[in-house]
Amino acid sequence: MQKRRIGLSDLYVSEIGLGCMSLGTDEKKAIRIIHEALERGINYLDTADLYDRGLNEEFVGKAIKGKRDQVILATKVGNRWEEGKDGWFWDPSKKYIKSEVKESLRRLQTDYIDLYQLHGGTIDDPIDETIEAFEELKQEGVIRYYGISSIRPNVIREYVKRSNIVSVMMQYSLLDRRPEEWFPLLREHNVSVIARGPVAKGLLTERPLEAASDSVKKNGYLDYTYEELQTLLPKLKAKTAEHRSFTATVLQFCLYDPVVAAVIPGASSVEQLIENINAASAPRLTEEEYEWLRQHTKASVYEMHR
């Protein structure tokens, strides 16, 4: 599988990575999916301390034991929970980041993290303190690089301006093209996009729309009503059916702009994983196809929320 460089780092990741959040709580099944991913050319695994309260990191750690040199490992920090209490709260403090990284390292059974990401953030955070925590972890050799996972324009702008982030993880798909607004800024500063949610909760797969959640049927998806999706999705599928699967088309749409270093769809089965991986070897989108897809979908922008 072809690889792309994240920012100006020396992290070269497979174009299709594995978003581990969807692996579930069956340890054997999760490890089997991760092993299959590695055997088929994926080298980029993305997890977070929050997923299943650390269990996801534990599964990843067990799966990559003895294979650590084959993996670019990314995880996240900032959402804090306490044993015995429901829910979590936001804590981007230097003290918490520097203590929680030790827990992630323990669960992942490794002594370093390739890409450590702030898992959210607001403009009211102590941003300089947060950056200082990441920079110290780099100097200590605990992490190699850091980035943020955020959809907040004000936060993205501040980290691009004030830090050495190499990546911004954002939800990006044919049905959610908001990140395109920020591609020029990120490109100018050599910051890569990591695209999560590329199949839009399964709407951009071969699965029939009728199988969508009750929430989608009632409220639609982002700027699209359910009725609009009923018209749009068959049109999109028909346009690209001759050349590649619909899943391959939507993943390659996300990869068309080189500012995107990797797309990280989740997989809850080996079959889903293989379908995602096959997208990497399908024919690339032509400029004409890419522009047609852009013309027939909405180019929304993020609200300037905090």
Protein backbone atom coordinates (compact mmCIF):
# COMPACT_ATOMS: atom_id res chain seq x y z
CA MET A 1 0.00 0.00 0.00
CA GLN A 2 1.22 3.48 -0.85
CA LYS A 3 2.38 5.66 2.03
CA ARG A 4 2.20 9.37 2.69
CA ARG A 5 4.19 11.60 4.99
CA ILE A 6 2.48 13.26 7.94
CA GLY A 7 3.47 16.92 7.82
CA LEU A 8 7.23 17.38 7.92
CA SER A 9 7.67 14.42 10.25
CA ASP A 10 9.42 11.18 9.41
CA LEU A 11 6.16 9.28 9.88
CA TYR A 12 5.19 7.62 6.59
CA VAL A 13 1.75 6.06 6.97
CA SER A 14 -0.37 3.82 4.79
CA GLU A 15 -3.00 5.83 2.91
CA ILE A 16 -5.66 3.69 4.53
CA GLY A 17 -5.16 3.35 8.27
CA LEU A 18 -7.26 1.59 10.87
CA GLY A 19 -9.43 3.62 13.19
CA CYS A 20 -9.57 1.31 16.18
CA MET A 21 -12.61 2.78 17.91
CA SER A 22 -14.94 0.37 16.08
CA LEU A 23 -13.14 -2.80 17.16
CA GLY A 24 -15.53 -3.49 20.01
CA THR A 25 -14.93 -5.29 23.29
CA ASP A 26 -14.28 -8.83 22.03
CA GLU A 27 -10.52 -9.12 22.52
CA LYS A 28 -9.88 -12.04 20.17
CA LYS A 29 -11.91 -10.47 17.38
CA ALA A 30 -10.23 -7.07 17.82
CA ILE A 31 -6.74 -8.56 17.74
CA ARG A 32 -7.61 -10.65 14.68
CA ILE A 33 -8.73 -7.51 12.80
CA ILE A 34 -5.55 -5.64 13.75
CA HIS A 35 -3.33 -8.55 12.69
CA GLU A 36 -5.18 -8.80 9.38
CA ALA A 37 -4.70 -5.07 8.84
CA LEU A 38 -0.95 -5.30 9.42
CA GLU A 39 -0.60 -8.33 7.17
CA ARG A 40 -2.42 -6.52 4.36
CA GLY A 41 -0.23 -3.44 4.37
CA ILE A 42 -1.77 -1.08 6.92
CA ASN A 43 0.90 0.36 9.21
CA TYR A 44 -1.10 3.16 10.85
CA LEU A 45 -3.26 2.41 13.91
CA ASP A 46 -5.25 5.13 15.63
CA THR A 47 -6.71 4.66 19.11
CA ALA A 48 -7.43 6.82 22.18
CA ASP A 49 -7.30 6.45 25.93
CA LEU A 50 -11.03 7.25 26.01
CA TYR A 51 -12.19 4.35 23.84
CA ASP A 52 -13.85 1.82 26.13
CA ARG A 53 -12.00 3.50 29.01
CA GLY A 54 -8.60 2.25 27.98
CA LEU A 55 -9.64 -1.22 26.85
CA ASN A 56 -9.10 -0.30 23.20
CA GLU A 57 -5.52 0.71 23.91
CA GLU A 58 -5.00 -2.58 25.76
CA PHE A 59 -6.21 -4.56 22.75
CA VAL A 60 -3.94 -2.59 20.43
CA GLY A 61 -1.02 -3.16 22.78
CA LYS A 62 -1.57 -6.90 22.83
CA ALA A 63 -2.01 -7.03 19.05
CA ILE A 64 1.24 -5.21 18.25
CA LYS A 65 3.39 -7.04 20.77
CA GLY A 66 6.42 -8.27 18.83
CA LYS A 67 5.35 -6.13 15.84
CA ARG A 68 5.99 -2.64 17.24
CA ASP A 69 8.55 -1.80 14.56
CA GLN A 70 5.89 -2.41 11.88
CA VAL A 71 3.47 0.14 13.30
CA ILE A 72 2.96 3.90 13.32
CA LEU A 73 0.98 4.18 16.53
CA ALA A 74 -1.31 7.11 17.30
CA THR A 75 -3.38 7.71 20.41
CA LYS A 76 -5.11 10.65 22.09
CA VAL A 77 -5.41 12.40 25.44
CA GLY A 78 -7.53 15.06 27.15
CA ASN A 79 -10.80 13.34 28.05
CA ARG A 80 -10.39 12.32 31.68
CA TRP A 81 -12.42 9.80 33.60
CA GLU A 82 -12.24 8.42 37.09
CA GLU A 83 -12.90 4.84 38.09
CA GLY A 84 -16.32 4.36 39.63
CA LYS A 85 -17.77 7.51 38.05
CA ASP A 86 -19.89 7.83 34.93
CA GLY A 87 -18.81 10.09 32.09
CA TRP A 88 -15.64 12.07 31.66
CA PHE A 89 -14.47 15.66 31.75
CA TRP A 90 -12.07 17.73 29.70
CA ASP A 91 -8.57 18.18 31.12
CA PRO A 92 -5.87 19.57 28.78
CA SER A 93 -3.57 20.49 31.68
CA LYS A 94 0.14 19.78 31.49
CA LYS A 95 -0.02 17.77 34.70
CA TYR A 96 -2.73 15.47 33.40
CA ILE A 97 -1.20 14.96 29.94
CA LYS A 98 2.19 14.06 31.42
CA SER A 99 0.65 11.58 33.85
CA GLU A 100 -1.89 10.06 31.47
CA VAL A 101 0.73 9.35 28.79
CA LYS A 102 2.28 6.88 31.22
CA GLU A 103 -1.03 5.03 31.45
CA SER A 104 -1.35 4.91 27.66
CA LEU A 105 2.21 3.57 27.37
CA ARG A 106 1.39 0.88 29.93
CA ARG A 107 -1.80 -0.18 28.16
CA LEU A 108 -0.12 -0.10 24.74
CA GLN A 109 2.89 -2.04 26.06
CA THR A 110 5.34 0.34 24.42
CA ASP A 111 7.86 2.92 25.54
CA TYR A 112 6.98 5.53 22.91
CA ILE A 113 4.04 6.85 20.91
CA ASP A 114 4.56 7.94 17.31
CA LEU A 115 1.75 10.51 17.19
CA TYR A 116 0.14 11.84 20.38
CA GLN A 117 -3.00 13.88 19.75
CA LEU A 118 -5.01 16.27 21.85
CA HIS A 119 -8.49 14.76 21.77
CA GLY A 120 -10.54 17.93 21.35
CA GLY A 121 -9.94 21.39 22.78
CA THR A 122 -11.51 24.83 23.16
CA ILE A 123 -10.17 28.33 22.70
CA ASP A 124 -10.43 28.82 26.48
CA ASP A 125 -7.92 26.04 27.22
CA PRO A 126 -4.45 26.85 28.60
CA ILE A 127 -3.05 26.27 25.11
CA ASP A 128 0.54 27.28 25.85
CA GLU A 129 0.61 24.91 28.82
CA THR A 130 -0.78 22.08 26.68
CA ILE A 131 1.83 22.72 23.99
CA GLU A 132 4.56 22.77 26.63
CA ALA A 133 3.45 19.33 27.82
CA PHE A 134 3.70 17.87 24.32
CA GLU A 135 7.06 19.53 23.65
CA GLU A 136 8.50 18.13 26.89
CA LEU A 137 7.25 14.65 26.03
CA LYS A 138 9.04 14.97 22.67
CA GLN A 139 12.26 16.00 24.36
CA GLU A 140 11.94 13.06 26.75
CA GLY A 141 11.53 10.65 23.82
CA VAL A 142 8.13 9.49 25.06
CA ILE A 143 6.38 10.74 21.92
CA ARG A 144 7.84 11.38 18.48
CA TYR A 145 5.33 13.96 17.23
CA TYR A 146 2.04 15.50 18.27
CA GLY A 147 -1.14 16.74 16.67
CA ILE A 148 -4.72 17.63 17.52
CA SER A 149 -8.07 16.02 16.84
CA SER A 150 -10.40 18.97 16.47
CA ILE A 151 -13.17 20.45 14.35
CA ARG A 152 -13.01 23.88 15.96
CA PRO A 153 -11.58 26.50 13.57
CA ASN A 154 -10.36 28.82 16.33
CA VAL A 155 -8.53 25.96 18.04
CA ILE A 156 -6.99 24.70 14.80
CA ARG A 157 -5.77 28.19 13.93
CA GLU A 158 -4.15 28.69 17.33
CA TYR A 159 -2.27 25.38 17.27
CA VAL A 160 -1.10 25.94 13.71
CA LYS A 161 0.21 29.36 14.73
CA ARG A 162 1.70 28.52 18.14
CA SER A 163 2.81 24.89 18.10
CA ASN A 164 4.71 22.26 16.13
CA ILE A 165 1.74 20.03 15.37
CA VAL A 166 2.18 17.80 12.33
CA SER A 167 -1.48 16.83 11.91
CA VAL A 168 -5.10 17.73 12.50
CA MET A 169 -7.62 14.91 12.64
CA MET A 170 -11.01 15.94 11.31
CA GLN A 171 -14.19 14.24 10.20
CA TYR A 172 -14.09 14.38 6.40
CA SER A 173 -16.23 12.68 3.78
CA LEU A 174 -18.28 13.33 0.67
CA LEU A 175 -21.14 14.26 3.00
CA ASP A 176 -18.98 16.39 5.30
CA ARG A 177 -16.65 18.56 3.27
CA ARG A 178 -16.17 21.24 5.94
CA PRO A 179 -12.42 20.53 6.39
CA GLU A 180 -11.74 21.70 2.83
CA GLU A 181 -12.12 25.26 4.13
CA TRP A 182 -8.91 24.72 6.13
CA PHE A 183 -6.83 22.83 3.57
CA PRO A 184 -5.00 25.97 2.31
CA LEU A 185 -3.93 27.05 5.82
CA LEU A 186 -2.78 23.56 6.75
CA ARG A 187 -0.96 23.10 3.46
CA GLU A 188 0.81 26.43 3.92
CA HIS A 189 2.10 25.32 7.32
CA ASN A 190 2.95 21.74 6.28
CA VAL A 191 0.31 20.25 8.59
CA SER A 192 -1.47 17.12 7.37
CA VAL A 193 -5.10 16.12 7.71
CA ILE A 194 -6.02 12.73 9.14
CA ALA A 195 -9.51 11.99 7.85
CA ARG A 196 -11.86 10.17 10.21
CA GLY A 197 -15.47 9.21 9.52
CA PRO A 198 -14.91 8.89 5.74
CA VAL A 199 -17.93 6.63 5.20
CA ALA A 200 -20.30 8.86 7.21
CA LYS A 201 -21.64 6.27 9.66
CA GLY A 202 -22.01 3.73 6.85
CA LEU A 203 -24.09 5.98 4.60
CA LEU A 204 -21.27 6.01 2.05
CA THR A 205 -21.02 2.24 1.66
CA GLU A 206 -22.87 -0.39 -0.29
CA ARG A 207 -25.28 -0.76 2.63
CA PRO A 208 -28.79 0.36 1.61
CA LEU A 209 -29.96 3.67 3.03
CA GLU A 210 -32.97 1.90 4.53
CA ALA A 211 -30.55 0.33 7.03
CA ALA A 212 -29.59 3.76 8.40
CA SER A 213 -30.24 4.60 12.03
CA ASP A 214 -33.57 6.00 13.19
CA SER A 215 -31.76 9.26 13.96
CA VAL A 216 -30.66 9.63 10.32
CA LYS A 217 -34.16 8.78 9.08
CA LYS A 218 -35.63 11.43 11.35
CA ASN A 219 -32.98 14.16 11.27
CA GLY A 220 -30.89 13.40 8.20
CA TYR A 221 -27.10 13.70 8.28
CA LEU A 222 -25.49 17.11 8.87
CA ASP A 223 -26.77 19.39 6.08
CA TYR A 224 -28.66 16.62 4.30
CA THR A 225 -32.26 15.67 4.98
CA TYR A 226 -33.16 12.00 4.70
CA GLU A 227 -35.11 12.82 1.54
CA GLU A 228 -32.04 14.47 0.01
CA LEU A 229 -29.97 11.39 0.83
CA GLN A 230 -32.58 9.21 -0.89
CA THR A 231 -31.99 11.18 -4.08
CA LEU A 232 -28.26 11.85 -3.79
CA LEU A 233 -26.78 8.49 -2.78
CA PRO A 234 -28.13 6.45 -5.75
CA LYS A 235 -26.83 9.18 -8.08
CA LEU A 236 -23.36 9.04 -6.51
CA LYS A 237 -23.26 5.24 -6.65
CA ALA A 238 -24.37 5.12 -10.27
CA LYS A 239 -21.72 7.62 -11.35
CA THR A 240 -18.76 5.55 -10.19
CA ALA A 241 -20.02 1.97 -10.36
CA GLU A 242 -18.11 1.16 -13.57
CA HIS A 243 -14.64 1.84 -12.20
CA ARG A 244 -14.59 0.88 -8.52
CA SER A 245 -16.75 0.08 -5.53
CA PHE A 246 -18.62 2.93 -3.92
CA THR A 247 -16.54 2.53 -0.76
CA ALA A 248 -13.37 2.84 -2.83
CA THR A 249 -14.72 5.97 -4.47
CA VAL A 250 -15.55 7.73 -1.23
CA LEU A 251 -12.22 6.83 0.40
CA GLN A 252 -10.30 7.96 -2.64
CA PHE A 253 -12.26 11.20 -2.68
CA CYS A 254 -10.82 11.92 0.77
CA LEU A 255 -7.31 11.06 -0.43
CA TYR A 256 -7.48 13.17 -3.60
CA ASP A 257 -5.92 16.26 -2.03
CA PRO A 258 -2.35 15.48 -0.88
CA VAL A 259 -2.85 17.54 2.29
CA VAL A 260 -4.67 14.41 3.55
CA ALA A 261 -2.01 12.01 4.82
CA ALA A 262 -4.34 9.14 5.67
CA VAL A 263 -7.94 8.08 5.85
CA ILE A 264 -8.81 5.99 8.91
CA PRO A 265 -12.10 4.15 8.48
CA GLY A 266 -13.09 1.86 11.32
CA ALA A 267 -13.78 -1.84 10.92
CA SER A 268 -15.83 -4.10 13.15
CA SER A 269 -15.16 -7.17 10.99
CA VAL A 270 -12.41 -8.55 8.78
CA GLU A 271 -14.77 -8.22 5.80
CA GLN A 272 -15.17 -4.47 6.37
CA LEU A 273 -11.43 -4.12 6.80
CA ILE A 274 -10.70 -5.87 3.49
CA GLU A 275 -13.23 -3.68 1.67
CA ASN A 276 -11.48 -0.59 3.02
CA ILE A 277 -8.03 -1.90 2.11
CA ASN A 278 -9.13 -2.76 -1.43
CA ALA A 279 -9.95 0.91 -1.93
CA ALA A 280 -6.23 1.67 -1.91
CA SER A 281 -5.57 -0.44 -5.00
CA ALA A 282 -8.66 0.63 -6.96
CA PRO A 283 -8.25 3.06 -9.89
CA ARG A 284 -7.59 6.60 -8.71
CA LEU A 285 -10.21 9.28 -9.19
CA THR A 286 -9.72 11.34 -12.30
CA GLU A 287 -9.90 15.11 -12.01
CA GLU A 288 -13.22 14.98 -13.85
CA GLU A 289 -14.68 12.47 -11.38
CA TYR A 290 -13.41 14.44 -8.40
CA GLU A 291 -14.92 17.68 -9.66
CA TRP A 292 -18.22 15.97 -10.47
CA LEU A 293 -18.44 14.65 -6.91
CA ARG A 294 -17.68 18.10 -5.53
CA GLN A 295 -20.33 19.70 -7.71
CA HIS A 296 -23.00 17.26 -6.56
CA THR A 297 -22.32 17.50 -2.82
CA LYS A 298 -22.47 20.38 -0.37
CA ALA A 299 -19.40 22.40 0.58
CA SER A 300 -20.42 23.48 4.07
CA VAL A 301 -18.17 25.46 6.38
CA TYR A 302 -17.62 25.16 10.12
CA GLU A 303 -19.36 27.62 12.37
CA MET A 304 -16.86 29.64 14.34
CA HIS A 305 -17.80 27.88 17.55
CA ARG A 306 -15.52 27.64 20.53
